[in-house]
Amino acid sequence: MEYILYMDESAKEGPYYGNFYGGALVRSTDYDYVIDQLSGKKKELHLFKEVKWQRVTLPYLTKYIELIDVFFDLIQQDLVKMRVMFTHNYRRAINLSKDQVDNTFTMLYYQFFKHAFGLKYSNPTPSREIGLRLYFDELPVAPANRDIFKDFIHGLQWSEDFRSANLSIERHNITEVKSDEHVILQYMDIVLGAMYFRLNNLHKEKPEGSRIRGKRTIAKEKLYKHINKRIRNIYPNFNIGISTGVRSYEDRWNHPYRHWLFVPSEHKIAPEFSKKK
């Protein structure tokens, strides 16, 4: 069996939260069914182009809600696991070397992949090897840095956590792809975009010179609220701005949907971000 992971990111720095990373995991035994459900819904709704957060508008709101319902039905059945990681500008990293500053994007991405899914707890039968197949949305870094990043990801198979879970990663199974060719990345982009939108208070934005919000903003807020409702069907009172709690370490794997607020080990408080305005 394999775990098939799709990974995406939004390195854009928001006014309150930034460094958004998203991941979706599907077991190979469920993969064909999941793809059929996601692709089939797009076809049913006559959405033949790539679907993504930036294309949400009032005329398409109902269709995007239907897409999200299919996606979260799969999540709720644990046929898809999704994770979202982000940072809060309230806690600014300090004492970083030049190399750490220059490679913040890939270093955070590495931490996200290594820890967000709780992969060390993922194999109930450690005598059976499980392979990992990774699809990264095109990495916005120089080609040489892409190779270095992929080498680090590949090297995780020799870490204690991955060896104890008998997880393997073939180098050729770490691939960059285009989101318009992979439907899971498209659905994931909608959820990731919704979290960035709400955590950064973009639902309050008004066009310059206007006293009311634009129609696109209203549509996006409605879609966010629907996504939040679906998450709360799984976890009542879910707080999107903090790390999802656990009752045991294994929950990092067992939970179908989780958020991770990444806090640098060394940081300073930036009070201007302590309260959303």
Protein backbone atom coordinates (compact mmCIF):
# COMPACT_ATOMS: atom_id res chain seq x y z
CA MET A 1 0.00 0.00 0.00
CA GLU A 2 1.00 3.62 -0.53
CA TYR A 3 0.07 6.93 1.00
CA ILE A 4 -0.41 9.51 -1.73
CA LEU A 5 0.16 13.07 -0.52
CA TYR A 6 -0.62 16.32 -2.28
CA MET A 7 1.13 19.41 -0.93
CA ASP A 8 0.49 23.08 -1.62
CA GLU A 9 1.53 26.39 -0.15
CA SER A 10 0.87 30.10 -0.03
CA ALA A 11 4.00 31.90 1.10
CA LYS A 12 2.18 35.22 0.92
CA GLU A 13 2.45 37.18 4.16
CA GLY A 14 -0.93 38.32 5.41
CA PRO A 15 -1.61 41.21 7.80
CA TYR A 16 -2.02 38.76 10.71
CA TYR A 17 -1.16 35.25 9.50
CA GLY A 18 1.21 33.97 6.85
CA ASN A 19 3.20 30.97 5.56
CA PHE A 20 0.16 28.84 4.76
CA TYR A 21 0.80 25.22 3.82
CA GLY A 22 -1.79 22.61 2.95
CA GLY A 23 -1.64 18.86 2.53
CA ALA A 24 -4.09 16.12 1.59
CA LEU A 25 -3.38 12.41 2.04
CA VAL A 26 -5.18 9.50 0.37
CA ARG A 27 -4.47 5.80 0.79
CA SER A 28 -3.78 4.04 -2.50
CA THR A 29 -6.66 1.67 -1.75
CA ASP A 30 -9.07 4.64 -1.76
CA TYR A 31 -7.41 6.72 -4.47
CA ASP A 32 -9.50 5.79 -7.50
CA TYR A 33 -12.77 6.26 -5.63
CA VAL A 34 -11.68 9.65 -4.25
CA ILE A 35 -10.59 10.93 -7.67
CA ASP A 36 -13.82 9.67 -9.27
CA GLN A 37 -15.91 11.50 -6.67
CA LEU A 38 -14.02 14.78 -6.97
CA SER A 39 -13.72 14.75 -10.75
CA GLY A 40 -17.27 13.53 -11.19
CA LYS A 41 -18.71 16.41 -9.19
CA LYS A 42 -16.78 18.93 -11.28
CA LYS A 43 -18.15 17.39 -14.48
CA GLU A 44 -21.67 17.25 -13.07
CA LEU A 45 -21.47 20.98 -12.34
CA HIS A 46 -19.94 21.71 -15.76
CA LEU A 47 -16.79 23.10 -14.15
CA PHE A 48 -14.27 22.08 -16.77
CA LYS A 49 -11.56 24.58 -15.84
CA GLU A 50 -9.44 24.52 -12.71
CA VAL A 51 -11.42 25.33 -9.58
CA LYS A 52 -9.70 27.42 -6.94
CA TRP A 53 -10.32 30.00 -4.24
CA GLN A 54 -9.55 33.00 -6.44
CA ARG A 55 -12.38 32.05 -8.80
CA VAL A 56 -15.12 32.10 -6.17
CA THR A 57 -17.89 34.54 -7.11
CA LEU A 58 -21.57 34.92 -6.24
CA PRO A 59 -22.77 33.32 -9.51
CA TYR A 60 -20.59 30.26 -8.80
CA LEU A 61 -21.10 30.14 -5.02
CA THR A 62 -23.68 27.34 -5.05
CA LYS A 63 -21.44 25.19 -7.23
CA TYR A 64 -18.43 25.74 -4.98
CA ILE A 65 -20.52 24.81 -1.94
CA GLU A 66 -21.43 21.55 -3.68
CA LEU A 67 -17.75 20.90 -4.40
CA ILE A 68 -16.84 21.49 -0.77
CA ASP A 69 -19.58 19.15 0.42
CA VAL A 70 -18.16 16.30 -1.68
CA PHE A 71 -14.64 17.02 -0.39
CA PHE A 72 -15.68 17.15 3.25
CA ASP A 73 -17.84 14.05 2.88
CA LEU A 74 -14.63 12.26 1.91
CA ILE A 75 -12.73 13.87 4.79
CA GLN A 76 -15.45 12.97 7.28
CA GLN A 77 -15.27 9.35 6.08
CA ASP A 78 -11.47 9.49 6.56
CA LEU A 79 -10.94 8.72 2.89
CA VAL A 80 -9.00 11.99 2.66
CA LYS A 81 -6.92 13.51 5.45
CA MET A 82 -6.23 17.24 5.26
CA ARG A 83 -3.80 19.40 7.20
CA VAL A 84 -3.24 23.17 7.23
CA MET A 85 -0.23 24.91 8.79
CA PHE A 86 0.40 28.65 9.19
CA THR A 87 2.27 31.17 11.31
CA HIS A 88 1.00 34.14 13.32
CA ASN A 89 2.77 37.47 12.93
CA TYR A 90 2.27 38.01 16.68
CA ARG A 91 5.24 35.70 17.28
CA ARG A 92 8.15 36.75 15.09
CA ALA A 93 11.11 34.38 14.76
CA ILE A 94 14.41 35.73 16.10
CA ASN A 95 18.08 34.70 16.11
CA LEU A 96 17.84 33.19 12.64
CA SER A 97 21.00 32.68 10.62
CA LYS A 98 21.21 34.10 7.09
CA ASP A 99 20.78 30.58 5.74
CA GLN A 100 17.63 30.09 7.81
CA VAL A 101 16.20 33.40 6.63
CA ASP A 102 17.01 32.62 3.00
CA ASN A 103 15.45 29.16 3.24
CA THR A 104 12.46 29.87 5.48
CA PHE A 105 10.01 28.66 2.86
CA THR A 106 11.53 25.21 2.35
CA MET A 107 12.42 24.75 6.02
CA LEU A 108 8.81 25.33 7.07
CA TYR A 109 7.60 23.08 4.25
CA TYR A 110 9.91 20.33 5.48
CA GLN A 111 8.55 20.63 9.04
CA PHE A 112 5.00 20.58 7.72
CA PHE A 113 5.49 17.36 5.79
CA LYS A 114 7.48 15.69 8.58
CA HIS A 115 5.04 16.37 11.40
CA ALA A 116 1.58 17.55 10.29
CA PHE A 117 0.12 14.15 9.39
CA GLY A 118 1.58 12.26 12.34
CA LEU A 119 3.07 9.76 9.88
CA LYS A 120 5.11 8.09 12.61
CA TYR A 121 1.79 6.76 13.99
CA SER A 122 0.32 5.83 10.62
CA ASN A 123 1.28 2.17 10.21
CA PRO A 124 -0.70 -0.23 12.41
CA THR A 125 1.30 -3.15 10.99
CA PRO A 126 4.97 -2.05 11.06
CA SER A 127 6.04 -5.36 9.52
CA ARG A 128 4.40 -4.16 6.30
CA GLU A 129 6.21 -1.43 4.38
CA ILE A 130 4.18 1.56 3.24
CA GLY A 131 5.46 3.73 0.41
CA LEU A 132 4.92 7.46 0.17
CA ARG A 133 4.16 9.16 -3.13
CA LEU A 134 4.43 12.97 -2.94
CA TYR A 135 2.99 15.53 -5.33
CA PHE A 136 4.09 19.09 -4.64
CA ASP A 137 2.43 21.97 -6.42
CA GLU A 138 5.19 23.68 -8.39
CA LEU A 139 7.76 24.98 -5.89
CA PRO A 140 8.45 28.73 -6.16
CA VAL A 141 12.20 28.38 -5.58
CA ALA A 142 15.29 28.10 -7.76
CA PRO A 143 15.86 24.67 -9.38
CA ALA A 144 18.95 23.96 -7.26
CA ASN A 145 16.98 24.66 -4.07
CA ARG A 146 14.18 22.42 -5.28
CA ASP A 147 16.60 19.52 -5.58
CA ILE A 148 18.05 20.19 -2.13
CA PHE A 149 14.55 20.29 -0.64
CA LYS A 150 13.55 17.03 -2.33
CA ASP A 151 16.75 15.38 -1.11
CA PHE A 152 15.88 16.36 2.47
CA ILE A 153 12.36 14.98 2.05
CA HIS A 154 13.77 11.78 0.57
CA GLY A 155 16.19 11.44 3.49
CA LEU A 156 13.34 11.30 6.01
CA GLN A 157 12.87 7.62 5.25
CA TRP A 158 16.02 6.95 7.22
CA SER A 159 14.89 8.93 10.27
CA GLU A 160 13.96 7.02 13.42
CA ASP A 161 10.29 8.00 13.15
CA PHE A 162 9.91 6.83 9.58
CA ARG A 163 11.93 3.64 10.07
CA SER A 164 9.87 2.67 13.13
CA ALA A 165 6.70 3.05 11.03
CA ASN A 166 8.34 1.26 8.07
CA LEU A 167 7.69 4.14 5.67
CA SER A 168 9.70 4.44 2.46
CA ILE A 169 10.09 7.23 -0.09
CA GLU A 170 11.57 6.59 -3.51
CA ARG A 171 13.32 9.69 -4.88
CA HIS A 172 11.40 9.51 -8.17
CA ASN A 173 8.13 9.56 -6.22
CA ILE A 174 8.78 13.14 -5.07
CA THR A 175 7.27 15.10 -7.93
CA GLU A 176 6.26 18.64 -8.80
CA VAL A 177 2.94 18.94 -10.59
CA LYS A 178 0.53 21.52 -11.94
CA SER A 179 -2.66 21.99 -9.97
CA ASP A 180 -4.85 22.17 -13.06
CA GLU A 181 -3.94 18.53 -13.72
CA HIS A 182 -4.66 17.25 -10.18
CA VAL A 183 -8.15 17.64 -8.81
CA ILE A 184 -7.21 17.10 -5.15
CA LEU A 185 -4.89 20.11 -5.27
CA GLN A 186 -7.77 22.19 -6.62
CA TYR A 187 -10.16 21.28 -3.82
CA MET A 188 -7.41 21.78 -1.27
CA ASP A 189 -6.69 25.25 -2.66
CA ILE A 190 -10.27 26.28 -1.90
CA VAL A 191 -9.94 25.29 1.76
CA LEU A 192 -6.46 26.78 2.13
CA GLY A 193 -7.59 30.02 0.53
CA ALA A 194 -10.61 30.22 2.81
CA MET A 195 -8.43 29.96 5.90
CA TYR A 196 -6.04 32.65 4.68
CA PHE A 197 -9.03 34.84 3.83
CA ARG A 198 -10.73 34.58 7.22
CA LEU A 199 -7.68 34.58 9.48
CA ASN A 200 -6.46 37.77 7.82
CA ASN A 201 -9.86 39.49 8.10
CA LEU A 202 -10.21 39.83 4.35
CA HIS A 203 -13.95 39.29 4.76
CA LYS A 204 -14.08 42.90 6.01
CA GLU A 205 -12.42 44.45 2.98
CA LYS A 206 -14.26 47.10 0.99
CA PRO A 207 -13.33 48.53 -2.40
CA GLU A 208 -11.60 51.89 -2.16
CA GLY A 209 -14.19 54.64 -1.84
CA SER A 210 -17.03 52.22 -1.10
CA ARG A 211 -19.07 51.88 2.08
CA ILE A 212 -20.05 48.30 1.32
CA ARG A 213 -18.17 45.12 0.54
CA GLY A 214 -17.77 43.77 -2.96
CA LYS A 215 -19.86 40.85 -4.22
CA ARG A 216 -16.81 38.60 -4.53
CA THR A 217 -15.89 39.25 -0.90
CA ILE A 218 -19.43 38.42 0.19
CA ALA A 219 -19.36 35.20 -1.83
CA LYS A 220 -16.03 34.17 -0.32
CA GLU A 221 -17.24 34.82 3.21
CA LYS A 222 -20.31 32.66 2.59
CA LEU A 223 -18.16 29.86 1.25
CA TYR A 224 -15.76 30.16 4.20
CA LYS A 225 -18.71 29.91 6.61
CA HIS A 226 -19.87 26.76 4.87
CA ILE A 227 -16.38 25.25 5.10
CA ASN A 228 -16.22 26.14 8.78
CA LYS A 229 -19.62 24.52 9.30
CA ARG A 230 -18.37 21.31 7.67
CA ILE A 231 -15.26 21.31 9.88
CA ARG A 232 -17.43 21.79 12.95
CA ASN A 233 -19.48 18.77 11.95
CA ILE A 234 -16.28 16.86 12.68
CA TYR A 235 -15.02 18.97 15.59
CA PRO A 236 -17.66 21.10 17.38
CA ASN A 237 -16.34 24.56 18.36
CA PHE A 238 -13.31 24.17 16.07
CA ASN A 239 -10.99 27.19 16.31
CA ILE A 240 -9.30 27.81 12.97
CA GLY A 241 -6.57 30.05 14.44
CA ILE A 242 -4.90 27.58 16.80
CA SER A 243 -3.40 24.11 16.64
CA THR A 244 -6.02 21.38 16.81
CA GLY A 245 -5.85 19.62 20.16
CA VAL A 246 -5.11 15.94 20.75
CA ARG A 247 -6.06 13.41 23.42
CA SER A 248 -3.21 11.14 22.38
CA TYR A 249 -0.23 11.51 20.07
CA GLU A 250 -1.88 9.08 17.64
CA ASP A 251 -4.60 11.68 17.01
CA ARG A 252 -2.10 13.56 14.85
CA TRP A 253 -2.62 10.71 12.40
CA ASN A 254 -6.12 9.56 13.28
CA HIS A 255 -7.86 12.91 12.87
CA PRO A 256 -9.19 13.47 9.35
CA TYR A 257 -8.68 17.25 9.49
CA ARG A 258 -6.26 19.34 11.55
CA HIS A 259 -4.74 22.82 11.82
CA TRP A 260 -1.22 23.57 13.06
CA LEU A 261 -0.21 27.03 14.22
CA PHE A 262 3.56 26.85 13.89
CA VAL A 263 5.34 28.78 16.66
CA PRO A 264 9.11 29.40 16.26
CA SER A 265 11.13 28.03 19.18
CA GLU A 266 12.78 31.43 19.54
CA HIS A 267 10.50 34.38 18.96
CA LYS A 268 9.57 37.84 20.11
CA ILE A 269 6.10 39.19 20.66
CA ALA A 270 4.88 41.78 18.15
CA PRO A 271 2.02 43.45 20.09
CA GLU A 272 0.60 45.19 17.04
CA PHE A 273 -0.63 41.78 15.86
CA SER A 274 -2.10 40.68 19.20
CA LYS A 275 -5.61 41.71 18.29
CA LYS A 276 -7.36 41.64 14.94
CA LYS A 277 -8.63 45.01 13.87
